[in-house]
Amino acid sequence: MVKVDVPGIRVEDRVTLPARETAVIVVDMQNDFVRDEGKLVVPTARETVEPIKRLLTKARGKGVRVIYTQDTHWDGDPEFSLWGEHVKHGSWGWEIISELKPLEGDIVILKTRYDGFYGTPMDDILRSYGYKNLVIVGTVANICVLHTAASAGLRWYNIVVPMDGISALTEFDYYLTLRQVSWLYNGKVVRSVDGVEFN
C-alpha cells in the first residue's frame, strides 16, 4: 500500500459573484448515482442533496442560471465495460433526482462522457449568455465534476466548488478534486454552499 500526503488546499469561507455573469452547474445528480438502489451509487452523494438544494434556491432567487448535466448512455455503450450498465437513457436511474428536479428556465445538457463540455453545447450556451463564473456541484467528484471543471478552467471560466456540494467514492478522490480545482485550474474552493453569494 502506498500512502501520500495531500498538499495544502486553499479554502475560502465566502465568495461573492455577479449574478448576471454566473451559472450554477449541477453535475449528474441522477438516481443511479444518488439513490441506495442505484446501479453506481456514490454513498456520500445523499449528503450533498440538501446543500445543493439550498444553493439552487439562493441562485434562482438572484436570477442565476442553473444548468444540469445528465450522464446518458444507450445499449452497448463502451463505458459499460468500465463501470457496468448505468444511467441508460429513459430509465429510472437516468433521471435527475426529484429533490433537485430542473425547473422551468433551467437547462439540461445530456452528456455521454465524463466531461460536460465534450460533444455538448455547454460552451456555446455559457458564452451566448455571457457567463464567466461557474459554481460547480454534483458527483462523482474526481470523474465528471473534475473533468467538467477542467474543461471550464481550460476555457478560462472562473470556477467555484463548494466542499459540501460534491461527493466522491473515496476521501482521496474527494481531496484530489479540490486540490486540482484550486491549484491547476486556479479555481476557488469554498467551505460551504452557504458561503456562495450572488449580487
C-alpha atoms as a PDB file:
ATOM      1  CA  MET A   1       0.000   0.000   0.000  1.00  0.00           C
ATOM      2  CA  VAL A   2       1.206   3.477  -0.892  1.00  0.00           C
ATOM      3  CA  LYS A   3       0.315   6.424   1.325  1.00  0.00           C
ATOM      4  CA  VAL A   4       0.552  10.022   0.191  1.00  0.00           C
ATOM      5  CA  ASP A   5       0.141  13.353   1.920  1.00  0.00           C
ATOM      6  CA  VAL A   6      -2.395  15.724   0.439  1.00  0.00           C
ATOM      7  CA  PRO A   7      -0.837  19.113  -0.359  1.00  0.00           C
ATOM      8  CA  GLY A   8      -2.454  22.152   1.192  1.00  0.00           C
ATOM      9  CA  ILE A   9      -5.730  23.259  -0.368  1.00  0.00           C
ATOM     10  CA  ARG A  10      -6.684  26.913  -0.261  1.00  0.00           C
ATOM     11  CA  VAL A  11     -10.248  27.157   1.134  1.00  0.00           C
ATOM     12  CA  GLU A  12     -12.353  30.318   1.201  1.00  0.00           C
ATOM     13  CA  ASP A  13     -15.166  30.989   3.654  1.00  0.00           C
ATOM     14  CA  ARG A  14     -17.064  33.332   1.347  1.00  0.00           C
ATOM     15  CA  VAL A  15     -17.184  34.168  -2.341  1.00  0.00           C
ATOM     16  CA  THR A  16     -19.412  36.806  -3.948  1.00  0.00           C
ATOM     17  CA  LEU A  17     -20.206  36.515  -7.659  1.00  0.00           C
ATOM     18  CA  PRO A  18     -22.110  38.775 -10.070  1.00  0.00           C
ATOM     19  CA  ALA A  19     -25.458  37.090 -10.712  1.00  0.00           C
ATOM     20  CA  ARG A  20     -25.678  38.110 -14.372  1.00  0.00           C
ATOM     21  CA  GLU A  21     -22.292  36.598 -15.190  1.00  0.00           C
ATOM     22  CA  THR A  22     -22.653  33.384 -13.201  1.00  0.00           C
ATOM     23  CA  ALA A  23     -24.196  29.965 -13.755  1.00  0.00           C
ATOM     24  CA  VAL A  24     -24.542  27.020 -11.384  1.00  0.00           C
ATOM     25  CA  ILE A  25     -23.724  23.655 -12.947  1.00  0.00           C
ATOM     26  CA  VAL A  26     -25.226  20.601 -11.262  1.00  0.00           C
ATOM     27  CA  VAL A  27     -23.318  17.534 -12.417  1.00  0.00           C
ATOM     28  CA  ASP A  28     -25.067  14.166 -12.755  1.00  0.00           C
ATOM     29  CA  MET A  29     -27.287  14.161  -9.666  1.00  0.00           C
ATOM     30  CA  GLN A  30     -29.181  11.173 -11.042  1.00  0.00           C
ATOM     31  CA  ASN A  31     -30.904   8.239  -9.355  1.00  0.00           C
ATOM     32  CA  ASP A  32     -28.255   5.693 -10.352  1.00  0.00           C
ATOM     33  CA  PHE A  33     -25.574   7.740  -8.588  1.00  0.00           C
ATOM     34  CA  VAL A  34     -27.512   9.060  -5.577  1.00  0.00           C
ATOM     35  CA  ARG A  35     -30.206   6.557  -4.554  1.00  0.00           C
ATOM     36  CA  ASP A  36     -29.371   3.470  -2.479  1.00  0.00           C
ATOM     37  CA  GLU A  37     -30.883   1.247  -5.170  1.00  0.00           C
ATOM     38  CA  GLY A  38     -28.942   2.995  -7.949  1.00  0.00           C
ATOM     39  CA  LYS A  39     -26.630   0.990 -10.195  1.00  0.00           C
ATOM     40  CA  LEU A  40     -23.500   3.054  -9.477  1.00  0.00           C
ATOM     41  CA  VAL A  41     -24.289   4.734  -6.184  1.00  0.00           C
ATOM     42  CA  VAL A  42     -21.884   7.170  -4.539  1.00  0.00           C
ATOM     43  CA  PRO A  43     -22.600   6.725  -0.810  1.00  0.00           C
ATOM     44  CA  THR A  44     -21.818  10.328   0.151  1.00  0.00           C
ATOM     45  CA  ALA A  45     -23.917  11.824  -2.671  1.00  0.00           C
ATOM     46  CA  ARG A  46     -27.008  11.815  -0.452  1.00  0.00           C
ATOM     47  CA  GLU A  47     -25.252  14.192   1.945  1.00  0.00           C
ATOM     48  CA  THR A  48     -24.893  16.793  -0.818  1.00  0.00           C
ATOM     49  CA  VAL A  49     -28.567  16.930  -1.772  1.00  0.00           C
ATOM     50  CA  GLU A  50     -29.657  19.442   0.875  1.00  0.00           C
ATOM     51  CA  PRO A  51     -26.652  21.769   0.393  1.00  0.00           C
ATOM     52  CA  ILE A  52     -27.176  21.739  -3.390  1.00  0.00           C
ATOM     53  CA  LYS A  53     -30.866  22.434  -2.849  1.00  0.00           C
ATOM     54  CA  ARG A  54     -30.007  25.470  -0.710  1.00  0.00           C
ATOM     55  CA  LEU A  55     -27.569  26.706  -3.361  1.00  0.00           C
ATOM     56  CA  LEU A  56     -30.178  26.392  -6.117  1.00  0.00           C
ATOM     57  CA  THR A  57     -32.793  28.252  -4.076  1.00  0.00           C
ATOM     58  CA  LYS A  58     -30.346  31.083  -3.470  1.00  0.00           C
ATOM     59  CA  ALA A  59     -29.195  31.149  -7.100  1.00  0.00           C
ATOM     60  CA  ARG A  60     -32.686  31.158  -8.591  1.00  0.00           C
ATOM     61  CA  GLY A  61     -33.715  33.886  -6.166  1.00  0.00           C
ATOM     62  CA  LYS A  62     -30.997  36.100  -7.644  1.00  0.00           C
ATOM     63  CA  GLY A  63     -31.722  35.162 -11.259  1.00  0.00           C
ATOM     64  CA  VAL A  64     -28.646  32.959 -11.638  1.00  0.00           C
ATOM     65  CA  ARG A  65     -28.970  30.374 -14.403  1.00  0.00           C
ATOM     66  CA  VAL A  66     -28.999  26.729 -13.328  1.00  0.00           C
ATOM     67  CA  ILE A  67     -27.582  24.168 -15.757  1.00  0.00           C
ATOM     68  CA  TYR A  68     -27.705  20.424 -15.238  1.00  0.00           C
ATOM     69  CA  THR A  69     -25.577  17.773 -16.842  1.00  0.00           C
ATOM     70  CA  GLN A  70     -27.287  14.417 -17.260  1.00  0.00           C
ATOM     71  CA  ASP A  71     -24.986  11.467 -17.886  1.00  0.00           C
ATOM     72  CA  THR A  72     -26.584   9.465 -20.700  1.00  0.00           C
ATOM     73  CA  HIS A  73     -25.886   6.068 -22.230  1.00  0.00           C
ATOM     74  CA  TRP A  74     -27.600   3.695 -24.648  1.00  0.00           C
ATOM     75  CA  ASP A  75     -27.416  -0.074 -25.144  1.00  0.00           C
ATOM     76  CA  GLY A  76     -23.894  -1.331 -25.768  1.00  0.00           C
ATOM     77  CA  ASP A  77     -22.145   1.860 -24.648  1.00  0.00           C
ATOM     78  CA  PRO A  78     -18.375   1.147 -24.394  1.00  0.00           C
ATOM     79  CA  GLU A  79     -18.334   2.819 -20.965  1.00  0.00           C
ATOM     80  CA  PHE A  80     -20.321  -0.130 -19.583  1.00  0.00           C
ATOM     81  CA  SER A  81     -17.158  -2.223 -19.836  1.00  0.00           C
ATOM     82  CA  LEU A  82     -15.579   0.091 -17.245  1.00  0.00           C
ATOM     83  CA  TRP A  83     -18.471   0.812 -14.891  1.00  0.00           C
ATOM     84  CA  GLY A  84     -21.207  -1.635 -15.721  1.00  0.00           C
ATOM     85  CA  GLU A  85     -24.578  -0.578 -17.069  1.00  0.00           C
ATOM     86  CA  HIS A  86     -25.798   2.748 -15.630  1.00  0.00           C
ATOM     87  CA  VAL A  87     -27.926   5.798 -16.462  1.00  0.00           C
ATOM     88  CA  LYS A  88     -29.433   4.257 -19.578  1.00  0.00           C
ATOM     89  CA  HIS A  89     -31.449   6.841 -21.487  1.00  0.00           C
ATOM     90  CA  GLY A  90     -35.079   6.841 -20.386  1.00  0.00           C
ATOM     91  CA  SER A  91     -34.567   4.609 -17.337  1.00  0.00           C
ATOM     92  CA  TRP A  92     -35.368   5.479 -13.724  1.00  0.00           C
ATOM     93  CA  GLY A  93     -31.638   5.524 -12.938  1.00  0.00           C
ATOM     94  CA  TRP A  94     -31.042   8.109 -15.673  1.00  0.00           C
ATOM     95  CA  GLU A  95     -33.494  10.628 -14.202  1.00  0.00           C
ATOM     96  CA  ILE A  96     -32.302  13.583 -12.134  1.00  0.00           C
ATOM     97  CA  ILE A  97     -33.336  13.060  -8.508  1.00  0.00           C
ATOM     98  CA  SER A  98     -36.723  14.503  -7.587  1.00  0.00           C
ATOM     99  CA  GLU A  99     -35.328  16.787  -4.853  1.00  0.00           C
ATOM    100  CA  LEU A 100     -33.246  18.642  -7.433  1.00  0.00           C
ATOM    101  CA  LYS A 101     -35.648  18.379 -10.352  1.00  0.00           C
ATOM    102  CA  PRO A 102     -34.969  21.037 -13.016  1.00  0.00           C
ATOM    103  CA  LEU A 103     -37.443  23.901 -13.097  1.00  0.00           C
ATOM    104  CA  GLU A 104     -38.741  25.940 -15.998  1.00  0.00           C
ATOM    105  CA  GLY A 105     -35.903  28.089 -17.321  1.00  0.00           C
ATOM    106  CA  ASP A 106     -33.178  25.669 -16.247  1.00  0.00           C
ATOM    107  CA  ILE A 107     -31.069  24.000 -18.924  1.00  0.00           C
ATOM    108  CA  VAL A 108     -30.369  20.259 -19.050  1.00  0.00           C
ATOM    109  CA  ILE A 109     -27.405  19.075 -21.090  1.00  0.00           C
ATOM    110  CA  LEU A 110     -27.138  15.390 -21.983  1.00  0.00           C
ATOM    111  CA  LYS A 111     -23.553  14.166 -21.994  1.00  0.00           C
ATOM    112  CA  THR A 112     -22.091  10.799 -22.949  1.00  0.00           C
ATOM    113  CA  ARG A 113     -18.653  11.132 -21.364  1.00  0.00           C
ATOM    114  CA  TYR A 114     -17.267  12.434 -18.066  1.00  0.00           C
ATOM    115  CA  ASP A 115     -16.772  15.987 -19.345  1.00  0.00           C
ATOM    116  CA  GLY A 116     -19.855  18.210 -19.502  1.00  0.00           C
ATOM    117  CA  PHE A 117     -18.295  20.154 -22.389  1.00  0.00           C
ATOM    118  CA  TYR A 118     -17.251  17.206 -24.564  1.00  0.00           C
ATOM    119  CA  GLY A 119     -19.600  16.870 -27.536  1.00  0.00           C
ATOM    120  CA  THR A 120     -22.226  19.126 -25.935  1.00  0.00           C
ATOM    121  CA  PRO A 121     -23.420  22.729 -26.444  1.00  0.00           C
ATOM    122  CA  MET A 122     -22.202  23.721 -22.949  1.00  0.00           C
ATOM    123  CA  ASP A 123     -19.556  26.231 -24.033  1.00  0.00           C
ATOM    124  CA  ASP A 124     -21.801  27.804 -26.664  1.00  0.00           C
ATOM    125  CA  ILE A 125     -24.623  28.233 -24.135  1.00  0.00           C
ATOM    126  CA  LEU A 126     -22.344  29.758 -21.499  1.00  0.00           C
ATOM    127  CA  ARG A 127     -20.773  32.198 -23.947  1.00  0.00           C
ATOM    128  CA  SER A 128     -24.097  33.107 -25.563  1.00  0.00           C
ATOM    129  CA  TYR A 129     -25.416  34.262 -22.189  1.00  0.00           C
ATOM    130  CA  GLY A 130     -22.154  35.907 -21.142  1.00  0.00           C
ATOM    131  CA  TYR A 131     -21.449  33.659 -18.162  1.00  0.00           C
ATOM    132  CA  LYS A 132     -17.899  33.924 -16.857  1.00  0.00           C
ATOM    133  CA  ASN A 133     -18.224  32.293 -13.434  1.00  0.00           C
ATOM    134  CA  LEU A 134     -19.318  28.715 -12.790  1.00  0.00           C
ATOM    135  CA  VAL A 135     -20.294  27.250  -9.433  1.00  0.00           C
ATOM    136  CA  ILE A 136     -19.919  23.505  -9.925  1.00  0.00           C
ATOM    137  CA  VAL A 137     -21.557  20.896  -7.683  1.00  0.00           C
ATOM    138  CA  GLY A 138     -22.565  17.258  -8.045  1.00  0.00           C
ATOM    139  CA  THR A 139     -20.988  13.842  -8.469  1.00  0.00           C
ATOM    140  CA  VAL A 140     -18.675  11.994  -8.958  1.00  0.00           C
ATOM    141  CA  ALA A 141     -16.070  14.478  -7.716  1.00  0.00           C
ATOM    142  CA  ASN A 142     -12.899  13.176  -9.372  1.00  0.00           C
ATOM    143  CA  ILE A 143     -14.665  11.969 -12.505  1.00  0.00           C
ATOM    144  CA  CYS A 144     -17.486  14.025 -14.010  1.00  0.00           C
ATOM    145  CA  VAL A 145     -17.161  17.018 -11.673  1.00  0.00           C
ATOM    146  CA  LEU A 146     -13.404  17.299 -12.154  1.00  0.00           C
ATOM    147  CA  HIS A 147     -13.456  16.729 -15.913  1.00  0.00           C
ATOM    148  CA  THR A 148     -16.180  19.356 -16.300  1.00  0.00           C
ATOM    149  CA  ALA A 149     -14.265  21.776 -14.071  1.00  0.00           C
ATOM    150  CA  ALA A 150     -11.083  21.070 -16.032  1.00  0.00           C
ATOM    151  CA  SER A 151     -12.745  21.861 -19.344  1.00  0.00           C
ATOM    152  CA  ALA A 152     -14.160  25.040 -17.848  1.00  0.00           C
ATOM    153  CA  GLY A 153     -10.762  26.050 -16.474  1.00  0.00           C
ATOM    154  CA  LEU A 154      -9.038  25.390 -19.792  1.00  0.00           C
ATOM    155  CA  ARG A 155     -11.576  27.733 -21.396  1.00  0.00           C
ATOM    156  CA  TRP A 156     -10.780  30.435 -18.797  1.00  0.00           C
ATOM    157  CA  TYR A 157     -14.046  30.312 -16.891  1.00  0.00           C
ATOM    158  CA  ASN A 158     -13.750  31.193 -13.212  1.00  0.00           C
ATOM    159  CA  ILE A 159     -14.586  28.087 -11.185  1.00  0.00           C
ATOM    160  CA  VAL A 160     -16.030  27.832  -7.684  1.00  0.00           C
ATOM    161  CA  VAL A 161     -16.534  24.461  -5.966  1.00  0.00           C
ATOM    162  CA  PRO A 162     -18.285  24.282  -2.568  1.00  0.00           C
ATOM    163  CA  MET A 163     -16.875  21.467  -0.433  1.00  0.00           C
ATOM    164  CA  ASP A 164     -20.296  20.300   0.770  1.00  0.00           C
ATOM    165  CA  GLY A 165     -21.675  20.244  -2.779  1.00  0.00           C
ATOM    166  CA  ILE A 166     -19.565  17.405  -4.226  1.00  0.00           C
ATOM    167  CA  SER A 167     -19.236  13.715  -3.420  1.00  0.00           C
ATOM    168  CA  ALA A 168     -16.705  11.011  -4.214  1.00  0.00           C
ATOM    169  CA  LEU A 169     -16.217   7.276  -3.790  1.00  0.00           C
ATOM    170  CA  THR A 170     -13.153   7.783  -1.573  1.00  0.00           C
ATOM    171  CA  GLU A 171     -11.705  10.512   0.600  1.00  0.00           C
ATOM    172  CA  PHE A 172      -8.600  10.597  -1.593  1.00  0.00           C
ATOM    173  CA  ASP A 173     -10.700  11.209  -4.720  1.00  0.00           C
ATOM    174  CA  TYR A 174     -12.578  13.991  -2.941  1.00  0.00           C
ATOM    175  CA  TYR A 175      -9.466  15.900  -1.874  1.00  0.00           C
ATOM    176  CA  LEU A 176      -7.725  15.251  -5.197  1.00  0.00           C
ATOM    177  CA  THR A 177     -10.594  17.072  -6.886  1.00  0.00           C
ATOM    178  CA  LEU A 178     -10.377  20.069  -4.571  1.00  0.00           C
ATOM    179  CA  ARG A 179      -6.592  20.215  -4.995  1.00  0.00           C
ATOM    180  CA  GLN A 180      -6.799  20.155  -8.791  1.00  0.00           C
ATOM    181  CA  VAL A 181      -9.566  22.764  -8.914  1.00  0.00           C
ATOM    182  CA  SER A 182      -7.767  25.186  -6.592  1.00  0.00           C
ATOM    183  CA  TRP A 183      -4.231  24.663  -7.885  1.00  0.00           C
ATOM    184  CA  LEU A 184      -4.250  23.537 -11.503  1.00  0.00           C
ATOM    185  CA  TYR A 185      -7.338  25.416 -12.707  1.00  0.00           C
ATOM    186  CA  ASN A 186      -6.976  28.422 -10.397  1.00  0.00           C
ATOM    187  CA  GLY A 187     -10.481  27.893  -9.083  1.00  0.00           C
ATOM    188  CA  LYS A 188     -11.870  28.708  -5.664  1.00  0.00           C
ATOM    189  CA  VAL A 189     -12.817  26.087  -3.120  1.00  0.00           C
ATOM    190  CA  VAL A 190     -15.478  27.343  -0.707  1.00  0.00           C
ATOM    191  CA  ARG A 191     -16.125  25.640   2.613  1.00  0.00           C
ATOM    192  CA  SER A 192     -19.898  25.529   2.097  1.00  0.00           C
ATOM    193  CA  VAL A 193     -22.621  26.461  -0.368  1.00  0.00           C
ATOM    194  CA  ASP A 194     -23.739  28.895   2.316  1.00  0.00           C
ATOM    195  CA  GLY A 195     -20.586  30.896   1.638  1.00  0.00           C
ATOM    196  CA  VAL A 196     -21.500  31.453  -2.025  1.00  0.00           C
ATOM    197  CA  GLU A 197     -23.264  34.768  -2.542  1.00  0.00           C
ATOM    198  CA  PHE A 198     -24.679  36.375  -5.695  1.00  0.00           C
ATOM    199  CA  ASN A 199     -25.159  40.101  -6.228  1.00  0.00           C
END
